[in-house]
Amino acid sequence: MKNKIKEHINDPEKLEQLYRDDRNAFESGFEEVYSEIEKSQLSRYWKIRLDYNSMTGKIKKSSPLDILILISTCLITGFLIKIPDIFNVWLDEIFYTKNAGIIVFFGLTLFIVWTTKSLN
């Protein structure tokens, strides 16, 4: 693939055909040969195109399960914050002073651990 890219560096149609025939081989071959052909205007175009395609693939889309986990985490965190109101605890200032940060960070941590799958 590297030799084909070098041969057809000034032929945009042939480069497009090579890319569509085998994208993975073209991308890896292009990365290996780019230092030799970087002076060509067309090679700069392909470098930008391939880098753009690799960047868009890194964006993670939310799944319905992630949204369900987010809603569940919010409900659990909301319940924990409302404990003094639900159980008629008179010392709610002490409760919030001691536990508000822990409760909020618990919710954030739970959601981040779930979305990054860091426990797997």
N, C-alpha and C. Protein backbone atom coordinates (compact mmCIF):
# COMPACT_ATOMS: atom_id res chain seq x y z
N MET A 1 0.83 -1.20 0.00
CA MET A 1 0.00 0.00 0.00
C MET A 1 0.87 1.26 0.00
N LYS A 2 1.99 1.20 0.73
CA LYS A 2 2.87 2.38 0.79
C LYS A 2 3.38 2.74 -0.61
N ASN A 3 3.77 1.73 -1.38
CA ASN A 3 4.29 2.00 -2.72
C ASN A 3 3.20 2.56 -3.63
N LYS A 4 1.98 2.06 -3.49
CA LYS A 4 0.88 2.57 -4.31
C LYS A 4 0.58 4.03 -3.98
N ILE A 5 0.65 4.37 -2.70
CA ILE A 5 0.41 5.76 -2.29
C ILE A 5 1.49 6.66 -2.86
N LYS A 6 2.75 6.22 -2.79
CA LYS A 6 3.84 7.02 -3.35
C LYS A 6 3.68 7.21 -4.85
N GLU A 7 3.30 6.14 -5.55
CA GLU A 7 3.15 6.20 -7.01
C GLU A 7 2.06 7.18 -7.42
N HIS A 8 0.97 7.20 -6.68
CA HIS A 8 -0.20 7.97 -7.09
C HIS A 8 -0.43 9.21 -6.24
N ILE A 9 0.62 9.77 -5.68
CA ILE A 9 0.46 10.92 -4.80
C ILE A 9 -0.09 12.14 -5.53
N ASN A 10 0.07 12.21 -6.82
CA ASN A 10 -0.46 13.34 -7.58
C ASN A 10 -1.74 12.98 -8.34
N ASP A 11 -2.33 11.84 -8.03
CA ASP A 11 -3.56 11.40 -8.70
C ASP A 11 -4.67 11.25 -7.65
N PRO A 12 -5.49 12.30 -7.46
CA PRO A 12 -6.49 12.24 -6.40
C PRO A 12 -7.53 11.14 -6.58
N GLU A 13 -7.89 10.85 -7.83
CA GLU A 13 -8.90 9.80 -8.06
C GLU A 13 -8.38 8.43 -7.63
N LYS A 14 -7.13 8.15 -7.97
CA LYS A 14 -6.54 6.86 -7.60
C LYS A 14 -6.37 6.74 -6.09
N LEU A 15 -5.97 7.83 -5.43
CA LEU A 15 -5.85 7.81 -3.97
C LEU A 15 -7.20 7.55 -3.32
N GLU A 16 -8.23 8.18 -3.84
CA GLU A 16 -9.58 7.95 -3.30
C GLU A 16 -9.99 6.50 -3.50
N GLN A 17 -9.66 5.93 -4.66
CA GLN A 17 -9.99 4.53 -4.93
C GLN A 17 -9.25 3.61 -3.95
N LEU A 18 -7.97 3.90 -3.73
CA LEU A 18 -7.20 3.10 -2.77
C LEU A 18 -7.80 3.20 -1.37
N TYR A 19 -8.21 4.41 -1.01
CA TYR A 19 -8.79 4.62 0.32
C TYR A 19 -10.09 3.84 0.46
N ARG A 20 -10.93 3.88 -0.55
CA ARG A 20 -12.23 3.18 -0.46
C ARG A 20 -12.08 1.67 -0.55
N ASP A 21 -11.05 1.19 -1.21
CA ASP A 21 -10.84 -0.26 -1.31
C ASP A 21 -10.44 -0.87 0.03
N ASP A 22 -9.53 -0.20 0.74
CA ASP A 22 -9.08 -0.73 2.03
C ASP A 22 -8.66 0.43 2.93
N ARG A 23 -9.61 0.92 3.72
CA ARG A 23 -9.37 2.11 4.53
C ARG A 23 -8.27 1.91 5.57
N ASN A 24 -8.31 0.81 6.26
CA ASN A 24 -7.33 0.59 7.33
C ASN A 24 -5.90 0.50 6.79
N ALA A 25 -5.74 -0.25 5.69
CA ALA A 25 -4.41 -0.37 5.09
C ALA A 25 -3.94 0.98 4.54
N PHE A 26 -4.86 1.74 3.96
CA PHE A 26 -4.50 3.05 3.43
C PHE A 26 -4.06 3.98 4.55
N GLU A 27 -4.82 4.00 5.65
CA GLU A 27 -4.47 4.89 6.76
C GLU A 27 -3.12 4.53 7.36
N SER A 28 -2.89 3.26 7.60
CA SER A 28 -1.61 2.87 8.20
C SER A 28 -0.45 3.09 7.22
N GLY A 29 -0.66 2.77 5.95
CA GLY A 29 0.37 3.01 4.95
C GLY A 29 0.66 4.49 4.77
N PHE A 30 -0.37 5.30 4.79
CA PHE A 30 -0.20 6.74 4.63
C PHE A 30 0.59 7.32 5.79
N GLU A 31 0.30 6.88 7.01
CA GLU A 31 1.03 7.37 8.17
C GLU A 31 2.52 7.01 8.08
N GLU A 32 2.82 5.82 7.56
CA GLU A 32 4.21 5.40 7.45
C GLU A 32 4.97 6.18 6.38
N VAL A 33 4.29 6.53 5.30
CA VAL A 33 4.95 7.16 4.16
C VAL A 33 4.82 8.68 4.17
N TYR A 34 4.08 9.23 5.12
CA TYR A 34 3.80 10.67 5.10
C TYR A 34 5.07 11.53 5.18
N SER A 35 6.05 11.11 5.93
CA SER A 35 7.26 11.91 6.05
C SER A 35 7.98 12.07 4.70
N GLU A 36 7.83 11.10 3.81
CA GLU A 36 8.46 11.16 2.49
C GLU A 36 7.69 12.02 1.50
N ILE A 37 6.39 12.14 1.68
CA ILE A 37 5.55 12.84 0.69
C ILE A 37 4.91 14.10 1.24
N GLU A 38 5.34 14.57 2.40
CA GLU A 38 4.65 15.67 3.05
C GLU A 38 4.71 16.99 2.30
N LYS A 39 5.61 17.13 1.34
CA LYS A 39 5.71 18.38 0.58
C LYS A 39 4.60 18.53 -0.44
N SER A 40 3.95 17.45 -0.77
CA SER A 40 2.86 17.50 -1.74
C SER A 40 1.60 18.11 -1.10
N GLN A 41 0.95 18.98 -1.87
CA GLN A 41 -0.29 19.61 -1.38
C GLN A 41 -1.37 18.56 -1.14
N LEU A 42 -1.45 17.57 -2.00
CA LEU A 42 -2.46 16.52 -1.86
C LEU A 42 -2.20 15.67 -0.61
N SER A 43 -0.94 15.46 -0.26
CA SER A 43 -0.65 14.67 0.94
C SER A 43 -1.08 15.43 2.20
N ARG A 44 -0.94 16.75 2.17
CA ARG A 44 -1.41 17.54 3.32
C ARG A 44 -2.93 17.43 3.45
N TYR A 45 -3.62 17.45 2.33
CA TYR A 45 -5.07 17.29 2.35
C TYR A 45 -5.45 15.95 2.96
N TRP A 46 -4.79 14.87 2.52
CA TRP A 46 -5.11 13.55 3.05
C TRP A 46 -4.77 13.43 4.53
N LYS A 47 -3.70 14.07 4.94
CA LYS A 47 -3.34 14.05 6.36
C LYS A 47 -4.44 14.68 7.20
N ILE A 48 -4.95 15.82 6.75
CA ILE A 48 -6.04 16.49 7.47
C ILE A 48 -7.29 15.63 7.45
N ARG A 49 -7.59 15.04 6.32
CA ARG A 49 -8.79 14.21 6.20
C ARG A 49 -8.72 13.00 7.12
N LEU A 50 -7.60 12.32 7.14
CA LEU A 50 -7.47 11.14 7.98
C LEU A 50 -7.46 11.49 9.46
N ASP A 51 -6.81 12.59 9.81
CA ASP A 51 -6.81 13.01 11.21
C ASP A 51 -8.20 13.42 11.65
N TYR A 52 -8.96 14.07 10.78
CA TYR A 52 -10.32 14.47 11.12
C TYR A 52 -11.19 13.25 11.34
N ASN A 53 -11.07 12.25 10.49
CA ASN A 53 -11.86 11.03 10.65
C ASN A 53 -11.52 10.32 11.95
N SER A 54 -10.26 10.33 12.34
CA SER A 54 -9.89 9.65 13.58
C SER A 54 -10.38 10.43 14.80
N MET A 55 -10.48 11.75 14.71
CA MET A 55 -10.96 12.55 15.84
C MET A 55 -12.46 12.39 16.05
N THR A 56 -13.23 12.31 14.97
CA THR A 56 -14.67 12.19 15.13
C THR A 56 -15.06 10.83 15.69
N GLY A 57 -14.23 9.83 15.49
CA GLY A 57 -14.53 8.50 16.01
C GLY A 57 -14.34 8.40 17.52
N LYS A 58 -13.67 9.38 18.12
CA LYS A 58 -13.39 9.31 19.55
C LYS A 58 -14.51 9.87 20.40
N ILE A 59 -15.47 10.50 19.79
CA ILE A 59 -16.57 11.06 20.56
C ILE A 59 -17.52 9.93 20.93
N LYS A 60 -17.76 9.79 22.20
CA LYS A 60 -18.61 8.72 22.69
C LYS A 60 -20.05 9.20 22.78
N LYS A 61 -20.94 8.42 22.24
CA LYS A 61 -22.36 8.77 22.32
C LYS A 61 -22.97 8.09 23.53
N SER A 62 -23.93 8.76 24.13
CA SER A 62 -24.58 8.21 25.31
C SER A 62 -25.59 7.15 24.91
N SER A 63 -25.57 6.08 25.64
CA SER A 63 -26.55 5.02 25.41
C SER A 63 -27.75 5.25 26.33
N PRO A 64 -28.87 4.62 26.02
CA PRO A 64 -30.02 4.75 26.92
C PRO A 64 -29.72 4.27 28.33
N LEU A 65 -28.85 3.28 28.47
CA LEU A 65 -28.49 2.79 29.79
C LEU A 65 -27.72 3.85 30.57
N ASP A 66 -26.83 4.60 29.88
CA ASP A 66 -26.10 5.69 30.53
C ASP A 66 -27.06 6.76 31.04
N ILE A 67 -28.06 7.08 30.26
CA ILE A 67 -29.04 8.09 30.66
C ILE A 67 -29.86 7.57 31.84
N LEU A 68 -30.22 6.29 31.83
CA LEU A 68 -30.94 5.70 32.95
C LEU A 68 -30.09 5.73 34.22
N ILE A 69 -28.82 5.42 34.11
CA ILE A 69 -27.91 5.48 35.26
C ILE A 69 -27.80 6.91 35.77
N LEU A 70 -27.72 7.89 34.87
CA LEU A 70 -27.66 9.29 35.28
C LEU A 70 -28.91 9.69 36.05
N ILE A 71 -30.07 9.32 35.56
CA ILE A 71 -31.33 9.65 36.24
C ILE A 71 -31.39 8.95 37.60
N SER A 72 -30.99 7.68 37.64
CA SER A 72 -31.00 6.94 38.91
C SER A 72 -30.04 7.56 39.92
N THR A 73 -28.87 7.95 39.46
CA THR A 73 -27.90 8.59 40.35
C THR A 73 -28.43 9.91 40.89
N CYS A 74 -29.11 10.68 40.03
CA CYS A 74 -29.70 11.94 40.49
C CYS A 74 -30.79 11.69 41.53
N LEU A 75 -31.61 10.66 41.30
CA LEU A 75 -32.67 10.36 42.26
C LEU A 75 -32.09 9.89 43.61
N ILE A 76 -31.08 9.05 43.57
CA ILE A 76 -30.46 8.59 44.82
C ILE A 76 -29.81 9.76 45.56
N THR A 77 -29.10 10.61 44.82
CA THR A 77 -28.46 11.77 45.44
C THR A 77 -29.51 12.72 46.01
N GLY A 78 -30.59 12.94 45.27
CA GLY A 78 -31.67 13.79 45.77
C GLY A 78 -32.31 13.22 47.03
N PHE A 79 -32.50 11.89 47.06
CA PHE A 79 -33.06 11.26 48.26
C PHE A 79 -32.12 11.44 49.45
N LEU A 80 -30.83 11.25 49.23
CA LEU A 80 -29.88 11.39 50.34
C LEU A 80 -29.84 12.83 50.85
N ILE A 81 -29.96 13.80 49.97
CA ILE A 81 -29.97 15.20 50.40
C ILE A 81 -31.24 15.52 51.18
N LYS A 82 -32.34 14.88 50.86
CA LYS A 82 -33.62 15.16 51.52
C LYS A 82 -33.87 14.33 52.77
N ILE A 83 -32.91 13.56 53.23
CA ILE A 83 -33.10 12.72 54.43
C ILE A 83 -33.59 13.53 55.63
N PRO A 84 -33.04 14.69 55.94
CA PRO A 84 -33.55 15.43 57.10
C PRO A 84 -35.03 15.83 56.96
N ASP A 85 -35.46 16.17 55.76
CA ASP A 85 -36.87 16.54 55.56
C ASP A 85 -37.78 15.31 55.63
N ILE A 86 -37.33 14.21 55.09
CA ILE A 86 -38.17 13.00 55.06
C ILE A 86 -38.36 12.44 56.45
N PHE A 87 -37.33 12.40 57.25
CA PHE A 87 -37.40 11.79 58.57
C PHE A 87 -37.57 12.81 59.69
N ASN A 88 -37.89 14.05 59.36
CA ASN A 88 -38.12 15.13 60.32
C ASN A 88 -36.99 15.25 61.35
N VAL A 89 -35.79 15.28 60.85
CA VAL A 89 -34.62 15.45 61.71
C VAL A 89 -34.48 16.94 62.00
N TRP A 90 -34.39 17.30 63.27
CA TRP A 90 -34.29 18.70 63.66
C TRP A 90 -32.91 19.28 63.43
N LEU A 91 -31.94 18.44 63.41
CA LEU A 91 -30.56 18.91 63.30
C LEU A 91 -30.08 18.86 61.85
N ASP A 92 -30.88 19.44 60.95
CA ASP A 92 -30.53 19.36 59.54
C ASP A 92 -29.29 20.17 59.19
N GLU A 93 -29.00 21.22 59.93
CA GLU A 93 -27.78 21.99 59.66
C GLU A 93 -26.54 21.14 59.92
N ILE A 94 -26.57 20.37 60.97
CA ILE A 94 -25.44 19.49 61.27
C ILE A 94 -25.32 18.40 60.20
N PHE A 95 -26.47 17.86 59.77
CA PHE A 95 -26.47 16.83 58.74
C PHE A 95 -25.85 17.37 57.45
N TYR A 96 -26.29 18.55 57.03
CA TYR A 96 -25.77 19.12 55.78
C TYR A 96 -24.30 19.51 55.92
N THR A 97 -23.91 20.01 57.06
CA THR A 97 -22.52 20.38 57.27
C THR A 97 -21.61 19.17 57.14
N LYS A 98 -22.04 18.05 57.71
CA LYS A 98 -21.22 16.85 57.69
C LYS A 98 -21.30 16.09 56.37
N ASN A 99 -22.48 16.04 55.74
CA ASN A 99 -22.70 15.07 54.67
C ASN A 99 -22.97 15.62 53.28
N ALA A 100 -23.20 16.90 53.11
CA ALA A 100 -23.59 17.42 51.79
C ALA A 100 -22.51 17.16 50.74
N GLY A 101 -21.27 17.46 51.07
CA GLY A 101 -20.19 17.23 50.12
C GLY A 101 -20.02 15.77 49.75
N ILE A 102 -20.12 14.92 50.76
CA ILE A 102 -19.98 13.48 50.53
C ILE A 102 -21.09 12.98 49.62
N ILE A 103 -22.31 13.44 49.86
CA ILE A 103 -23.45 12.98 49.05
C ILE A 103 -23.31 13.44 47.60
N VAL A 104 -22.97 14.71 47.41
CA VAL A 104 -22.85 15.23 46.04
C VAL A 104 -21.69 14.53 45.32
N PHE A 105 -20.54 14.39 45.97
CA PHE A 105 -19.42 13.72 45.32
C PHE A 105 -19.69 12.24 45.11
N PHE A 106 -20.51 11.62 45.93
CA PHE A 106 -20.91 10.24 45.72
C PHE A 106 -21.66 10.12 44.40
N GLY A 107 -22.61 11.03 44.17
CA GLY A 107 -23.38 10.99 42.93
C GLY A 107 -22.50 11.21 41.71
N LEU A 108 -21.64 12.20 41.78
CA LEU A 108 -20.73 12.47 40.65
C LEU A 108 -19.79 11.30 40.39
N THR A 109 -19.23 10.76 41.46
CA THR A 109 -18.29 9.65 41.33
C THR A 109 -18.98 8.42 40.75
N LEU A 110 -20.17 8.13 41.22
CA LEU A 110 -20.91 6.97 40.72
C LEU A 110 -21.15 7.09 39.23
N PHE A 111 -21.58 8.26 38.78
CA PHE A 111 -21.85 8.44 37.36
C PHE A 111 -20.56 8.38 36.53
N ILE A 112 -19.50 9.00 36.99
CA ILE A 112 -18.24 9.00 36.22
C ILE A 112 -17.66 7.59 36.15
N VAL A 113 -17.72 6.85 37.25
CA VAL A 113 -17.23 5.48 37.24
C VAL A 113 -18.04 4.65 36.26
N TRP A 114 -19.33 4.86 36.19
CA TRP A 114 -20.16 4.10 35.27
C TRP A 114 -19.84 4.45 33.81
N THR A 115 -19.75 5.73 33.48
CA THR A 115 -19.56 6.11 32.09
C THR A 115 -18.15 5.81 31.58
N THR A 116 -17.14 5.87 32.44
CA THR A 116 -15.78 5.57 31.99
C THR A 116 -15.46 4.09 32.09
N LYS A 117 -16.33 3.33 32.71
CA LYS A 117 -16.14 1.88 32.90
C LYS A 117 -14.79 1.58 33.55
N SER A 118 -14.43 2.40 34.53
CA SER A 118 -13.11 2.25 35.14
C SER A 118 -13.04 1.06 36.09
N LEU A 119 -14.14 0.47 36.45
CA LEU A 119 -14.09 -0.71 37.32
C LEU A 119 -13.91 -2.01 36.53
N ASN A 120 -14.07 -1.96 35.20
CA ASN A 120 -13.95 -3.17 34.39
C ASN A 120 -12.51 -3.59 34.33
